[in-house]
Amino acid sequence: MRLIPTGHALSLFLVIMFSICIGWGLVTPASLHMHAAWELLLPGFEFISIPAFVLGLVESYAYGWFAALIIVPLYNFFDRKKAV
C-alpha cells in the first residue's frame, strides 16, 4: 500500500462526506443535523459560515492524512511476506 495515493483518497473521502453532511444539514430540519458531532470533531468549526466550512474542509483533509500515516505503515508491516 502506498502512502500518497492512500492519503489523498482518505482525505478526499472525508472532504466529500463532510460536504454531503453540511449540505444535508442545510436542507433538513435541525433534528436531523450532525453539526454537534462536527463541532466536537473539528476544532474551531461552528455551523455554518463560509470560513467555518472552509476550516472544516481543511481539517477533514488533514484527518485523512493523519489516518493514512497510521494505516499505511501498519498495513505494510502486517502484509510483508515471511522470509524463507
Protein backbone atom coordinates (compact mmCIF):
# COMPACT_ATOMS: atom_id res chain seq x y z
CA MET A 1 0.00 0.00 0.00
CA ARG A 2 1.41 3.38 -0.97
CA LEU A 3 1.18 6.38 1.34
CA ILE A 4 0.49 9.24 -1.08
CA PRO A 5 -2.44 7.72 -3.02
CA THR A 6 -3.94 6.39 0.20
CA GLY A 7 -3.54 9.76 1.92
CA HIS A 8 -5.25 11.62 -0.89
CA ALA A 9 -8.03 9.00 -1.17
CA LEU A 10 -8.83 9.05 2.55
CA SER A 11 -8.63 12.84 2.68
CA LEU A 12 -10.92 13.36 -0.30
CA PHE A 13 -13.34 10.78 1.08
CA LEU A 14 -13.60 12.75 4.34
CA VAL A 15 -13.93 16.07 2.48
CA ILE A 16 -16.76 14.65 0.34
CA MET A 17 -18.53 13.17 3.37
CA PHE A 18 -18.17 16.44 5.28
CA SER A 19 -19.59 18.39 2.33
CA ILE A 20 -22.52 16.00 1.96
CA CYS A 21 -23.28 16.24 5.69
CA ILE A 22 -23.17 20.04 5.63
CA GLY A 23 -25.41 20.10 2.56
CA TRP A 24 -27.81 17.71 4.28
CA GLY A 25 -27.81 19.95 7.35
CA LEU A 26 -28.76 22.95 5.26
CA VAL A 27 -31.82 21.29 3.70
CA THR A 28 -33.22 19.25 6.60
CA PRO A 29 -34.80 20.12 9.95
CA ALA A 30 -32.49 20.77 12.90
CA SER A 31 -33.32 17.42 14.48
CA LEU A 32 -31.53 15.61 11.62
CA HIS A 33 -28.31 17.67 11.69
CA MET A 34 -24.89 16.33 12.53
CA HIS A 35 -23.43 19.75 13.30
CA ALA A 36 -22.97 18.93 17.00
CA ALA A 37 -20.73 16.00 16.08
CA TRP A 38 -18.73 18.08 13.60
CA GLU A 39 -18.26 20.79 16.23
CA LEU A 40 -16.79 18.17 18.58
CA LEU A 41 -14.58 16.53 15.95
CA LEU A 42 -13.29 19.63 14.16
CA PRO A 43 -11.69 22.25 16.43
CA GLY A 44 -12.95 25.76 15.66
CA PHE A 45 -15.85 24.60 13.47
CA GLU A 46 -19.23 26.22 14.07
CA PHE A 47 -22.33 25.53 11.97
CA ILE A 48 -22.35 27.31 9.42
CA SER A 49 -20.49 30.12 7.76
CA ILE A 50 -18.16 30.19 4.79
CA PRO A 51 -14.98 30.43 6.94
CA ALA A 52 -16.23 27.58 9.15
CA PHE A 53 -16.98 25.44 6.09
CA VAL A 54 -13.50 26.05 4.66
CA LEU A 55 -11.96 25.25 8.05
CA GLY A 56 -13.98 22.03 8.15
CA LEU A 57 -12.73 21.08 4.68
CA VAL A 58 -9.11 21.71 5.66
CA GLU A 59 -9.43 19.79 8.93
CA SER A 60 -11.21 16.89 7.20
CA TYR A 61 -8.40 16.69 4.65
CA ALA A 62 -5.80 16.76 7.42
CA TYR A 63 -7.59 13.97 9.32
CA GLY A 64 -7.45 11.83 6.18
CA TRP A 65 -3.68 12.22 6.04
CA PHE A 66 -3.41 11.53 9.75
CA ALA A 67 -5.28 8.25 9.23
CA ALA A 68 -3.14 7.34 6.23
CA LEU A 69 0.07 7.97 8.17
CA ILE A 70 -1.08 5.40 10.71
CA ILE A 71 -2.86 2.86 8.49
CA VAL A 72 -0.36 2.51 5.63
CA PRO A 73 2.71 1.59 7.72
CA LEU A 74 0.64 -0.80 9.82
CA TYR A 75 -0.83 -2.44 6.73
CA ASN A 76 2.58 -2.76 5.09
CA PHE A 77 4.07 -4.22 8.28
CA PHE A 78 1.43 -6.91 8.58
CA ASP A 79 1.31 -7.63 4.84
CA ARG A 80 5.00 -8.38 4.36
CA LYS A 81 5.95 -11.83 3.20
CA LYS A 82 7.61 -14.25 5.58
CA ALA A 83 11.33 -14.61 4.96
CA VAL A 84 12.04 -18.13 3.70
